Amino acid sequence: MNQIEVIDLEQFYNISISDFYSYVSEIMTDFNYFFHLTLKEIPNKTRCEIWKHRGGEEEALVWVEVVQNGEYVASEVPVEILKLMNENNLRTLFFFTNGALKEEDKEIIDEEGYFIFTPDEIIETLIAINKKKIPKEKNIRKKVKVPSGFVLIRNYLRNREIPKEKNVIRINLIKQIVDKYISLYEPILKIVEQIEDYNDISDDIKEILKKEQFKLLPNLVVISTYTFLDKFQYLKVDLFNFVKLLILYIGAIIEYEPMEDVEKYKSEIEKFVEKFKNIENEIEEYKKEYLEENKKLSKNLLINSIVFIVLLFIIVIIYVVINGRY
């Protein structure tokens, strides 16, 4: 398919599985996957296949489910998907449907490395693919209304519910957590340093950066569950924004957004890195303050206890004197 016709939501309601599959194939090819094996097929309803990534041995389950009139996908489908993934030892899922998933069903396949495409996401992705196919004599970096990285984040989070349970980060784990997120920048920086011409980036580097970008997405959900001590609660926002900037930075590079945006994202990322590197000093300072405060409280408690005992002794003496028992 050299050129994808722009489609709207109504065209999905009664689309044939063969037409729908052509869109799926186009999207999977853009993700640099190729068809490997058919696991299951129900005529005019379901296709379940394994696709391989061109850049390595990674395999993904591609499940295509067509329903009529935009109805909900049957609730047993997500369960069957997990069963097949376990049986075939697969960690990546691409689920495509022309309908919708109920919230409770969506939660079943809402995992890291699982990508859900309903009509809105499919249309957005096809439009983006179409734009990339427009012949250009030279790549020109242009200002965009909505950064590509933001679109990716929005689509990812839109299909995921933030877990209700909270992950309380104890003070002795804060540095370890922060260091983990700082380390996400290092491989990206090494790849970017290989780019010789930002207006002519090789397909290999684009593909590697795109994979790094997708690996970052689950961190947004994980960070949203963190709870820190009040003094360090700002880290929840900072870590989220840091990962978001990494995604925006990669998107700006590979989608040829303006270089001033690329540099802006990079500058903001490095400011966060410098700030995070000071976290150990903040923790030590907090511990000192905490100890000093405890010392003051202990001292005040001791003084109050002594005063209370002295006052009690005086009251007893006065009582004895008044009652003639001295």
C-alpha atoms as a PDB file:
ATOM      1  CA  MET A   1       0.000   0.000   0.000  1.00  0.00           C
ATOM      2  CA  ASN A   2       1.846   3.092  -1.204  1.00  0.00           C
ATOM      3  CA  GLN A   3      -0.676   5.675  -0.120  1.00  0.00           C
ATOM      4  CA  ILE A   4      -3.294   5.279   2.585  1.00  0.00           C
ATOM      5  CA  GLU A   5      -6.676   6.832   1.973  1.00  0.00           C
ATOM      6  CA  VAL A   6      -7.695   9.069   4.854  1.00  0.00           C
ATOM      7  CA  ILE A   7     -10.545   7.341   6.671  1.00  0.00           C
ATOM      8  CA  ASP A   8     -13.060   8.365   9.303  1.00  0.00           C
ATOM      9  CA  LEU A   9     -14.665   6.550  12.218  1.00  0.00           C
ATOM     10  CA  GLU A  10     -17.851   5.592  10.344  1.00  0.00           C
ATOM     11  CA  GLN A  11     -15.858   3.560   7.840  1.00  0.00           C
ATOM     12  CA  PHE A  12     -14.735   1.295  10.678  1.00  0.00           C
ATOM     13  CA  TYR A  13     -18.241   0.234  11.732  1.00  0.00           C
ATOM     14  CA  ASN A  14     -18.782  -2.425   9.080  1.00  0.00           C
ATOM     15  CA  ILE A  15     -15.291  -2.776   7.625  1.00  0.00           C
ATOM     16  CA  SER A  16     -14.237  -6.180   6.290  1.00  0.00           C
ATOM     17  CA  ILE A  17     -11.408  -7.943   8.078  1.00  0.00           C
ATOM     18  CA  SER A  18      -9.296  -7.901   4.897  1.00  0.00           C
ATOM     19  CA  ASP A  19      -9.579  -4.105   4.582  1.00  0.00           C
ATOM     20  CA  PHE A  20      -8.968  -3.652   8.287  1.00  0.00           C
ATOM     21  CA  TYR A  21      -5.981  -5.995   8.159  1.00  0.00           C
ATOM     22  CA  SER A  22      -4.395  -3.876   5.414  1.00  0.00           C
ATOM     23  CA  TYR A  23      -4.298  -0.962   7.878  1.00  0.00           C
ATOM     24  CA  VAL A  24      -2.857  -3.235  10.582  1.00  0.00           C
ATOM     25  CA  SER A  25      -0.176  -4.452   8.184  1.00  0.00           C
ATOM     26  CA  GLU A  26       0.740  -0.886   7.278  1.00  0.00           C
ATOM     27  CA  ILE A  27       1.121   0.106  10.938  1.00  0.00           C
ATOM     28  CA  MET A  28       3.130  -2.994  11.864  1.00  0.00           C
ATOM     29  CA  THR A  29       5.449  -2.458   8.892  1.00  0.00           C
ATOM     30  CA  ASP A  30       5.996   1.116  10.076  1.00  0.00           C
ATOM     31  CA  PHE A  31       6.994  -0.307  13.474  1.00  0.00           C
ATOM     32  CA  ASN A  32       9.557  -2.392  11.558  1.00  0.00           C
ATOM     33  CA  TYR A  33       7.871  -5.757  12.134  1.00  0.00           C
ATOM     34  CA  PHE A  34       7.166  -8.471   9.564  1.00  0.00           C
ATOM     35  CA  PHE A  35       4.675 -11.351   9.536  1.00  0.00           C
ATOM     36  CA  HIS A  36       6.018 -14.660  10.858  1.00  0.00           C
ATOM     37  CA  LEU A  37       3.286 -17.109  11.864  1.00  0.00           C
ATOM     38  CA  THR A  38      -0.508 -17.471  12.085  1.00  0.00           C
ATOM     39  CA  LEU A  39      -1.758 -18.828  15.420  1.00  0.00           C
ATOM     40  CA  LYS A  40      -5.484 -18.509  14.952  1.00  0.00           C
ATOM     41  CA  GLU A  41      -8.031 -17.246  12.438  1.00  0.00           C
ATOM     42  CA  ILE A  42     -11.808 -16.898  12.561  1.00  0.00           C
ATOM     43  CA  PRO A  43     -13.184 -15.753   9.168  1.00  0.00           C
ATOM     44  CA  ASN A  44     -14.419 -12.143   9.133  1.00  0.00           C
ATOM     45  CA  LYS A  45     -13.724 -11.801  12.863  1.00  0.00           C
ATOM     46  CA  THR A  46     -10.280 -12.645  14.269  1.00  0.00           C
ATOM     47  CA  ARG A  47      -6.686 -12.932  13.177  1.00  0.00           C
ATOM     48  CA  CYS A  48      -4.019 -13.859  15.675  1.00  0.00           C
ATOM     49  CA  GLU A  49      -0.422 -13.852  14.455  1.00  0.00           C
ATOM     50  CA  ILE A  50       3.194 -13.611  15.540  1.00  0.00           C
ATOM     51  CA  TRP A  51       5.288 -10.869  13.923  1.00  0.00           C
ATOM     52  CA  LYS A  52       9.059 -10.477  14.206  1.00  0.00           C
ATOM     53  CA  HIS A  53      11.062  -7.288  14.556  1.00  0.00           C
ATOM     54  CA  ARG A  54      13.478  -6.607  11.713  1.00  0.00           C
ATOM     55  CA  GLY A  55      16.098  -5.293  14.132  1.00  0.00           C
ATOM     56  CA  GLY A  56      16.497  -8.505  16.145  1.00  0.00           C
ATOM     57  CA  GLU A  57      14.847 -11.639  17.503  1.00  0.00           C
ATOM     58  CA  GLU A  58      12.018  -9.836  19.294  1.00  0.00           C
ATOM     59  CA  GLU A  59       8.571 -11.286  18.568  1.00  0.00           C
ATOM     60  CA  ALA A  60       5.135  -9.782  19.174  1.00  0.00           C
ATOM     61  CA  LEU A  61       1.593 -11.089  19.268  1.00  0.00           C
ATOM     62  CA  VAL A  62      -0.622  -9.228  16.796  1.00  0.00           C
ATOM     63  CA  TRP A  63      -4.306  -9.723  17.556  1.00  0.00           C
ATOM     64  CA  VAL A  64      -6.862  -8.314  15.098  1.00  0.00           C
ATOM     65  CA  GLU A  65     -10.478  -8.300  16.257  1.00  0.00           C
ATOM     66  CA  VAL A  66     -13.304  -7.017  14.022  1.00  0.00           C
ATOM     67  CA  VAL A  67     -16.748  -6.341  15.487  1.00  0.00           C
ATOM     68  CA  GLN A  68     -19.928  -5.005  13.933  1.00  0.00           C
ATOM     69  CA  ASN A  69     -21.232  -1.440  14.321  1.00  0.00           C
ATOM     70  CA  GLY A  70     -18.479  -0.344  16.705  1.00  0.00           C
ATOM     71  CA  GLU A  71     -19.554  -2.763  19.434  1.00  0.00           C
ATOM     72  CA  TYR A  72     -17.438  -3.795  22.417  1.00  0.00           C
ATOM     73  CA  VAL A  73     -14.944  -6.606  22.002  1.00  0.00           C
ATOM     74  CA  ALA A  74     -16.096  -9.799  23.755  1.00  0.00           C
ATOM     75  CA  SER A  75     -14.787 -10.025  27.334  1.00  0.00           C
ATOM     76  CA  GLU A  76     -13.182 -13.432  26.798  1.00  0.00           C
ATOM     77  CA  VAL A  77     -10.807 -12.011  24.161  1.00  0.00           C
ATOM     78  CA  PRO A  78      -8.332 -10.293  26.597  1.00  0.00           C
ATOM     79  CA  VAL A  79      -8.172 -13.487  28.672  1.00  0.00           C
ATOM     80  CA  GLU A  80      -7.445 -15.563  25.580  1.00  0.00           C
ATOM     81  CA  ILE A  81      -4.764 -13.056  24.537  1.00  0.00           C
ATOM     82  CA  LEU A  82      -2.913 -13.477  27.844  1.00  0.00           C
ATOM     83  CA  LYS A  83      -3.199 -17.241  27.584  1.00  0.00           C
ATOM     84  CA  LEU A  84      -1.668 -17.255  24.079  1.00  0.00           C
ATOM     85  CA  MET A  85       1.095 -14.887  25.129  1.00  0.00           C
ATOM     86  CA  ASN A  86       2.031 -17.142  28.027  1.00  0.00           C
ATOM     87  CA  GLU A  87       1.940 -20.251  25.854  1.00  0.00           C
ATOM     88  CA  ASN A  88       4.231 -18.645  23.275  1.00  0.00           C
ATOM     89  CA  ASN A  89       6.436 -16.784  25.791  1.00  0.00           C
ATOM     90  CA  LEU A  90       5.649 -13.385  24.230  1.00  0.00           C
ATOM     91  CA  ARG A  91       6.125 -10.067  26.026  1.00  0.00           C
ATOM     92  CA  THR A  92       4.891  -7.625  23.374  1.00  0.00           C
ATOM     93  CA  LEU A  93       1.309  -7.219  22.184  1.00  0.00           C
ATOM     94  CA  PHE A  94      -0.248  -5.161  19.404  1.00  0.00           C
ATOM     95  CA  PHE A  95      -4.028  -5.318  19.701  1.00  0.00           C
ATOM     96  CA  PHE A  96      -6.164  -3.831  16.914  1.00  0.00           C
ATOM     97  CA  THR A  97      -9.941  -3.516  16.853  1.00  0.00           C
ATOM     98  CA  ASN A  98     -12.505  -1.483  14.940  1.00  0.00           C
ATOM     99  CA  GLY A  99     -14.651  -1.445  18.073  1.00  0.00           C
ATOM    100  CA  ALA A 100     -13.949  -0.683  21.720  1.00  0.00           C
ATOM    101  CA  LEU A 101     -12.849  -2.384  24.931  1.00  0.00           C
ATOM    102  CA  LYS A 102     -14.731  -2.220  28.207  1.00  0.00           C
ATOM    103  CA  GLU A 103     -12.655  -0.650  30.984  1.00  0.00           C
ATOM    104  CA  GLU A 104     -12.459  -3.865  32.990  1.00  0.00           C
ATOM    105  CA  ASP A 105     -11.351  -5.775  29.873  1.00  0.00           C
ATOM    106  CA  LYS A 106      -8.793  -3.132  28.963  1.00  0.00           C
ATOM    107  CA  GLU A 107      -7.228  -3.461  32.425  1.00  0.00           C
ATOM    108  CA  ILE A 108      -6.490  -7.132  31.725  1.00  0.00           C
ATOM    109  CA  ILE A 109      -4.143  -6.269  28.849  1.00  0.00           C
ATOM    110  CA  ASP A 110      -2.888  -2.986  30.277  1.00  0.00           C
ATOM    111  CA  GLU A 111       0.734  -4.003  30.779  1.00  0.00           C
ATOM    112  CA  GLU A 112       4.195  -2.764  29.854  1.00  0.00           C
ATOM    113  CA  GLY A 113       4.866  -3.546  26.192  1.00  0.00           C
ATOM    114  CA  TYR A 114       1.170  -3.954  25.347  1.00  0.00           C
ATOM    115  CA  PHE A 115      -0.133  -1.530  22.701  1.00  0.00           C
ATOM    116  CA  ILE A 116      -3.855  -1.102  22.108  1.00  0.00           C
ATOM    117  CA  PHE A 117      -5.138   0.414  18.864  1.00  0.00           C
ATOM    118  CA  THR A 118      -8.806   1.390  18.649  1.00  0.00           C
ATOM    119  CA  PRO A 119     -10.139   3.453  15.686  1.00  0.00           C
ATOM    120  CA  ASP A 120      -8.911   6.824  17.042  1.00  0.00           C
ATOM    121  CA  GLU A 121      -5.329   5.583  17.481  1.00  0.00           C
ATOM    122  CA  ILE A 122      -5.393   3.759  14.133  1.00  0.00           C
ATOM    123  CA  ILE A 123      -6.508   6.856  12.235  1.00  0.00           C
ATOM    124  CA  GLU A 124      -3.906   9.061  13.948  1.00  0.00           C
ATOM    125  CA  THR A 125      -1.155   6.541  13.201  1.00  0.00           C
ATOM    126  CA  LEU A 126      -2.191   6.120   9.550  1.00  0.00           C
ATOM    127  CA  ILE A 127      -2.206   9.891   9.051  1.00  0.00           C
ATOM    128  CA  ALA A 128       1.303  10.094  10.531  1.00  0.00           C
ATOM    129  CA  ILE A 129       2.471   7.280   8.219  1.00  0.00           C
ATOM    130  CA  ASN A 130       0.936   9.068   5.244  1.00  0.00           C
ATOM    131  CA  LYS A 131       2.814  12.241   6.079  1.00  0.00           C
ATOM    132  CA  LYS A 132       6.101  10.336   6.201  1.00  0.00           C
ATOM    133  CA  LYS A 133       5.425   8.980   2.696  1.00  0.00           C
ATOM    134  CA  ILE A 134       5.136  12.405   1.110  1.00  0.00           C
ATOM    135  CA  PRO A 135       8.203  12.703  -1.141  1.00  0.00           C
ATOM    136  CA  LYS A 136      10.697  15.306  -0.009  1.00  0.00           C
ATOM    137  CA  GLU A 137      13.833  16.469  -1.735  1.00  0.00           C
ATOM    138  CA  LYS A 138      15.302  17.227   1.671  1.00  0.00           C
ATOM    139  CA  ASN A 139      14.133  16.795   5.226  1.00  0.00           C
ATOM    140  CA  ILE A 140      13.017  20.165   6.537  1.00  0.00           C
ATOM    141  CA  ARG A 141      12.500  20.708  10.218  1.00  0.00           C
ATOM    142  CA  LYS A 142       9.195  22.470  10.763  1.00  0.00           C
ATOM    143  CA  LYS A 143       7.354  23.826  13.762  1.00  0.00           C
ATOM    144  CA  VAL A 144       4.409  21.639  14.724  1.00  0.00           C
ATOM    145  CA  LYS A 145       1.260  22.521  16.670  1.00  0.00           C
ATOM    146  CA  VAL A 146       1.487  19.361  18.762  1.00  0.00           C
ATOM    147  CA  PRO A 147       4.901  17.680  19.262  1.00  0.00           C
ATOM    148  CA  SER A 148       4.980  14.065  18.088  1.00  0.00           C
ATOM    149  CA  GLY A 149       6.217  12.945  21.508  1.00  0.00           C
ATOM    150  CA  PHE A 150       3.163  14.474  23.156  1.00  0.00           C
ATOM    151  CA  VAL A 151       0.849  12.602  20.759  1.00  0.00           C
ATOM    152  CA  LEU A 152       2.639   9.353  21.643  1.00  0.00           C
ATOM    153  CA  ILE A 153       2.297  10.025  25.390  1.00  0.00           C
ATOM    154  CA  ARG A 154      -1.368  10.979  25.043  1.00  0.00           C
ATOM    155  CA  ASN A 155      -2.229   7.851  23.063  1.00  0.00           C
ATOM    156  CA  TYR A 156      -0.354   5.638  25.516  1.00  0.00           C
ATOM    157  CA  LEU A 157      -1.915   7.106  28.666  1.00  0.00           C
ATOM    158  CA  ARG A 158      -5.384   7.338  27.135  1.00  0.00           C
ATOM    159  CA  ASN A 159      -5.575   3.540  27.032  1.00  0.00           C
ATOM    160  CA  ARG A 160      -4.279   3.054  30.558  1.00  0.00           C
ATOM    161  CA  GLU A 161      -5.836   3.577  33.952  1.00  0.00           C
ATOM    162  CA  ILE A 162      -3.522   4.838  36.681  1.00  0.00           C
ATOM    163  CA  PRO A 163      -3.197   2.118  39.354  1.00  0.00           C
ATOM    164  CA  LYS A 164      -4.989   2.977  42.589  1.00  0.00           C
ATOM    165  CA  GLU A 165      -2.360   1.414  44.841  1.00  0.00           C
ATOM    166  CA  LYS A 166       0.459   3.721  45.916  1.00  0.00           C
ATOM    167  CA  ASN A 167       4.148   2.870  45.978  1.00  0.00           C
ATOM    168  CA  VAL A 168       5.616   4.515  49.077  1.00  0.00           C
ATOM    169  CA  ILE A 169       9.294   5.354  48.532  1.00  0.00           C
ATOM    170  CA  ARG A 170      11.266   5.211  51.778  1.00  0.00           C
ATOM    171  CA  ILE A 171      14.037   7.749  52.255  1.00  0.00           C
ATOM    172  CA  ASN A 172      16.807   5.150  51.929  1.00  0.00           C
ATOM    173  CA  LEU A 173      15.456   4.228  48.456  1.00  0.00           C
ATOM    174  CA  ILE A 174      15.121   7.737  47.050  1.00  0.00           C
ATOM    175  CA  LYS A 175      18.660   7.988  45.634  1.00  0.00           C
ATOM    176  CA  GLN A 176      18.377   4.551  44.060  1.00  0.00           C
ATOM    177  CA  ILE A 177      15.091   5.509  42.367  1.00  0.00           C
ATOM    178  CA  VAL A 178      16.454   8.837  41.120  1.00  0.00           C
ATOM    179  CA  ASP A 179      19.648   7.209  39.793  1.00  0.00           C
ATOM    180  CA  LYS A 180      17.525   4.692  37.904  1.00  0.00           C
ATOM    181  CA  TYR A 181      15.783   7.487  36.006  1.00  0.00           C
ATOM    182  CA  ILE A 182      18.998   9.441  35.391  1.00  0.00           C
ATOM    183  CA  SER A 183      20.386   6.304  33.729  1.00  0.00           C
ATOM    184  CA  LEU A 184      17.584   6.401  31.135  1.00  0.00           C
ATOM    185  CA  TYR A 185      19.247   9.408  29.502  1.00  0.00           C
ATOM    186  CA  GLU A 186      22.659   7.820  28.982  1.00  0.00           C
ATOM    187  CA  PRO A 187      21.812   5.325  26.179  1.00  0.00           C
ATOM    188  CA  ILE A 188      19.747   7.959  24.376  1.00  0.00           C
ATOM    189  CA  LEU A 189      22.628  10.433  24.504  1.00  0.00           C
ATOM    190  CA  LYS A 190      25.053   7.848  23.107  1.00  0.00           C
ATOM    191  CA  ILE A 191      22.753   7.123  20.159  1.00  0.00           C
ATOM    192  CA  VAL A 192      22.142  10.817  19.449  1.00  0.00           C
ATOM    193  CA  GLU A 193      25.893  11.467  19.448  1.00  0.00           C
ATOM    194  CA  GLN A 194      26.150   9.139  16.436  1.00  0.00           C
ATOM    195  CA  ILE A 195      23.990  11.448  14.309  1.00  0.00           C
ATOM    196  CA  GLU A 196      26.165  13.285  11.785  1.00  0.00           C
ATOM    197  CA  ASP A 197      23.434  15.308  10.100  1.00  0.00           C
ATOM    198  CA  TYR A 198      20.251  16.122  12.031  1.00  0.00           C
ATOM    199  CA  ASN A 199      18.469  16.769   8.720  1.00  0.00           C
ATOM    200  CA  ASP A 200      19.344  13.339   7.339  1.00  0.00           C
ATOM    201  CA  ILE A 201      19.093  10.733  10.083  1.00  0.00           C
ATOM    202  CA  SER A 202      19.669   7.123   9.055  1.00  0.00           C
ATOM    203  CA  ASP A 203      16.783   4.657   9.313  1.00  0.00           C
ATOM    204  CA  ASP A 204      18.809   2.500  11.717  1.00  0.00           C
ATOM    205  CA  ILE A 205      19.318   5.320  14.204  1.00  0.00           C
ATOM    206  CA  LYS A 206      15.675   6.371  13.862  1.00  0.00           C
ATOM    207  CA  GLU A 207      14.559   2.840  14.626  1.00  0.00           C
ATOM    208  CA  ILE A 208      16.829   2.512  17.670  1.00  0.00           C
ATOM    209  CA  LEU A 209      15.639   5.854  19.043  1.00  0.00           C
ATOM    210  CA  LYS A 210      12.010   4.924  18.416  1.00  0.00           C
ATOM    211  CA  LYS A 211      12.491   1.714  20.435  1.00  0.00           C
ATOM    212  CA  GLU A 212      14.056   3.727  23.267  1.00  0.00           C
ATOM    213  CA  GLN A 213      11.097   6.090  23.108  1.00  0.00           C
ATOM    214  CA  PHE A 214       8.589   3.245  23.482  1.00  0.00           C
ATOM    215  CA  LYS A 215      10.580   1.757  26.368  1.00  0.00           C
ATOM    216  CA  LEU A 216      10.184   5.043  28.262  1.00  0.00           C
ATOM    217  CA  LEU A 217       6.370   5.135  28.144  1.00  0.00           C
ATOM    218  CA  PRO A 218       5.587   2.628  30.958  1.00  0.00           C
ATOM    219  CA  ASN A 219       7.671   4.731  33.364  1.00  0.00           C
ATOM    220  CA  LEU A 220       5.017   7.458  33.234  1.00  0.00           C
ATOM    221  CA  VAL A 221       2.450   5.113  34.778  1.00  0.00           C
ATOM    222  CA  VAL A 222       4.931   3.749  37.344  1.00  0.00           C
ATOM    223  CA  ILE A 223       5.970   7.235  38.511  1.00  0.00           C
ATOM    224  CA  SER A 224       2.336   8.235  38.974  1.00  0.00           C
ATOM    225  CA  THR A 225       2.061   5.609  41.753  1.00  0.00           C
ATOM    226  CA  TYR A 226       5.003   6.972  43.762  1.00  0.00           C
ATOM    227  CA  THR A 227       4.521   8.649  47.131  1.00  0.00           C
ATOM    228  CA  PHE A 228       7.481  10.381  48.811  1.00  0.00           C
ATOM    229  CA  LEU A 229       7.990  12.116  52.162  1.00  0.00           C
ATOM    230  CA  ASP A 230       6.549  15.635  52.017  1.00  0.00           C
ATOM    231  CA  LYS A 231       9.974  17.229  51.585  1.00  0.00           C
ATOM    232  CA  PHE A 232      10.681  15.026  48.544  1.00  0.00           C
ATOM    233  CA  GLN A 233       7.184  14.860  47.054  1.00  0.00           C
ATOM    234  CA  TYR A 234       8.340  17.261  44.316  1.00  0.00           C
ATOM    235  CA  LEU A 235      10.312  14.331  42.869  1.00  0.00           C
ATOM    236  CA  LYS A 236       7.098  12.733  41.636  1.00  0.00           C
ATOM    237  CA  VAL A 237       6.449  15.709  39.355  1.00  0.00           C
ATOM    238  CA  ASP A 238      10.102  16.145  38.413  1.00  0.00           C
ATOM    239  CA  LEU A 239      10.622  12.494  37.494  1.00  0.00           C
ATOM    240  CA  PHE A 240       7.429  12.455  35.421  1.00  0.00           C
ATOM    241  CA  ASN A 241       8.468  15.622  33.580  1.00  0.00           C
ATOM    242  CA  PHE A 242      11.983  14.235  33.087  1.00  0.00           C
ATOM    243  CA  VAL A 243      10.703  11.098  31.346  1.00  0.00           C
ATOM    244  CA  LYS A 244       8.217  13.182  29.368  1.00  0.00           C
ATOM    245  CA  LEU A 245      11.066  15.411  28.157  1.00  0.00           C
ATOM    246  CA  LEU A 246      13.099  12.376  27.075  1.00  0.00           C
ATOM    247  CA  ILE A 247      10.147  11.213  24.952  1.00  0.00           C
ATOM    248  CA  LEU A 248       9.653  14.715  23.495  1.00  0.00           C
ATOM    249  CA  TYR A 249      13.406  15.009  22.824  1.00  0.00           C
ATOM    250  CA  ILE A 250      13.528  11.763  20.839  1.00  0.00           C
ATOM    251  CA  GLY A 251      10.352  12.665  18.968  1.00  0.00           C
ATOM    252  CA  ALA A 252      11.690  16.086  18.009  1.00  0.00           C
ATOM    253  CA  ILE A 253      14.865  14.490  16.618  1.00  0.00           C
ATOM    254  CA  ILE A 254      13.381  11.666  14.567  1.00  0.00           C
ATOM    255  CA  GLU A 255      10.280  13.545  13.363  1.00  0.00           C
ATOM    256  CA  TYR A 256      12.352  16.539  12.190  1.00  0.00           C
ATOM    257  CA  GLU A 257      10.840  19.110  14.510  1.00  0.00           C
ATOM    258  CA  PRO A 258      12.749  22.422  14.850  1.00  0.00           C
ATOM    259  CA  MET A 259      16.314  22.227  16.180  1.00  0.00           C
ATOM    260  CA  GLU A 260      15.499  24.941  18.724  1.00  0.00           C
ATOM    261  CA  ASP A 261      12.939  22.515  20.206  1.00  0.00           C
ATOM    262  CA  VAL A 262      15.536  19.717  20.220  1.00  0.00           C
ATOM    263  CA  GLU A 263      18.021  21.969  22.029  1.00  0.00           C
ATOM    264  CA  LYS A 264      15.360  23.235  24.429  1.00  0.00           C
ATOM    265  CA  TYR A 265      14.372  19.706  25.452  1.00  0.00           C
ATOM    266  CA  LYS A 266      18.017  18.702  25.835  1.00  0.00           C
ATOM    267  CA  SER A 267      18.756  21.749  28.000  1.00  0.00           C
ATOM    268  CA  GLU A 268      15.784  21.037  30.271  1.00  0.00           C
ATOM    269  CA  ILE A 269      16.760  17.359  30.540  1.00  0.00           C
ATOM    270  CA  GLU A 270      20.307  18.252  31.601  1.00  0.00           C
ATOM    271  CA  LYS A 271      19.002  20.720  34.190  1.00  0.00           C
ATOM    272  CA  PHE A 272      16.988  17.902  35.721  1.00  0.00           C
ATOM    273  CA  VAL A 273      20.043  15.609  35.658  1.00  0.00           C
ATOM    274  CA  GLU A 274      22.098  18.208  37.563  1.00  0.00           C
ATOM    275  CA  LYS A 275      19.270  18.696  40.024  1.00  0.00           C
ATOM    276  CA  PHE A 276      18.875  14.946  40.556  1.00  0.00           C
ATOM    277  CA  LYS A 277      22.609  14.509  41.134  1.00  0.00           C
ATOM    278  CA  ASN A 278      22.265  16.714  44.217  1.00  0.00           C
ATOM    279  CA  ILE A 279      19.634  14.458  45.774  1.00  0.00           C
ATOM    280  CA  GLU A 280      22.145  12.714  48.046  1.00  0.00           C
ATOM    281  CA  ASN A 281      23.066  16.061  49.636  1.00  0.00           C
ATOM    282  CA  GLU A 282      19.369  16.848  50.110  1.00  0.00           C
ATOM    283  CA  ILE A 283      18.821  13.505  51.805  1.00  0.00           C
ATOM    284  CA  GLU A 284      21.798  13.999  54.146  1.00  0.00           C
ATOM    285  CA  GLU A 285      20.625  17.509  54.982  1.00  0.00           C
ATOM    286  CA  TYR A 286      17.144  16.188  55.718  1.00  0.00           C
ATOM    287  CA  LYS A 287      18.553  13.483  57.999  1.00  0.00           C
ATOM    288  CA  LYS A 288      20.600  16.088  59.903  1.00  0.00           C
ATOM    289  CA  GLU A 289      17.564  18.323  60.298  1.00  0.00           C
ATOM    290  CA  TYR A 290      15.517  15.324  61.392  1.00  0.00           C
ATOM    291  CA  LEU A 291      18.110  14.344  64.006  1.00  0.00           C
ATOM    292  CA  GLU A 292      18.414  17.921  65.275  1.00  0.00           C
ATOM    293  CA  GLU A 293      14.662  18.186  65.537  1.00  0.00           C
ATOM    294  CA  ASN A 294      14.527  14.914  67.450  1.00  0.00           C
ATOM    295  CA  LYS A 295      17.283  16.122  69.791  1.00  0.00           C
ATOM    296  CA  LYS A 296      15.341  19.322  70.465  1.00  0.00           C
ATOM    297  CA  LEU A 297      12.160  17.360  71.087  1.00  0.00           C
ATOM    298  CA  SER A 298      13.983  14.966  73.421  1.00  0.00           C
ATOM    299  CA  LYS A 299      15.591  17.843  75.277  1.00  0.00           C
ATOM    300  CA  ASN A 300      12.298  19.681  75.649  1.00  0.00           C
ATOM    301  CA  LEU A 301      10.629  16.483  76.784  1.00  0.00           C
ATOM    302  CA  LEU A 302      13.343  15.935  79.420  1.00  0.00           C
ATOM    303  CA  ILE A 303      13.110  19.550  80.677  1.00  0.00           C
ATOM    304  CA  ASN A 304       9.316  19.319  80.840  1.00  0.00           C
ATOM    305  CA  SER A 305       9.574  16.049  82.761  1.00  0.00           C
ATOM    306  CA  ILE A 306      12.011  17.541  85.300  1.00  0.00           C
ATOM    307  CA  VAL A 307       9.843  20.646  85.722  1.00  0.00           C
ATOM    308  CA  PHE A 308       6.809  18.449  86.227  1.00  0.00           C
ATOM    309  CA  ILE A 309       8.579  16.334  88.874  1.00  0.00           C
ATOM    310  CA  VAL A 310       9.835  19.451  90.737  1.00  0.00           C
ATOM    311  CA  LEU A 311       6.381  21.016  90.654  1.00  0.00           C
ATOM    312  CA  LEU A 312       4.855  17.794  91.857  1.00  0.00           C
ATOM    313  CA  PHE A 313       7.381  17.619  94.718  1.00  0.00           C
ATOM    314  CA  ILE A 314       6.645  21.235  95.734  1.00  0.00           C
ATOM    315  CA  ILE A 315       2.915  20.570  95.657  1.00  0.00           C
ATOM    316  CA  VAL A 316       3.391  17.517  97.910  1.00  0.00           C
ATOM    317  CA  ILE A 317       5.529  19.538 100.387  1.00  0.00           C
ATOM    318  CA  ILE A 318       2.958  22.328 100.475  1.00  0.00           C
ATOM    319  CA  TYR A 319       0.164  19.835 100.987  1.00  0.00           C
ATOM    320  CA  VAL A 320       2.004  18.195 103.915  1.00  0.00           C
ATOM    321  CA  VAL A 321       2.788  21.550 105.560  1.00  0.00           C
ATOM    322  CA  ILE A 322      -0.807  22.786 105.236  1.00  0.00           C
ATOM    323  CA  ASN A 323      -2.162  19.632 106.764  1.00  0.00           C
ATOM    324  CA  GLY A 324       0.285  19.758 109.695  1.00  0.00           C
ATOM    325  CA  ARG A 325       2.135  16.567 108.818  1.00  0.00           C
ATOM    326  CA  TYR A 326       5.622  18.009 108.336  1.00  0.00           C
END
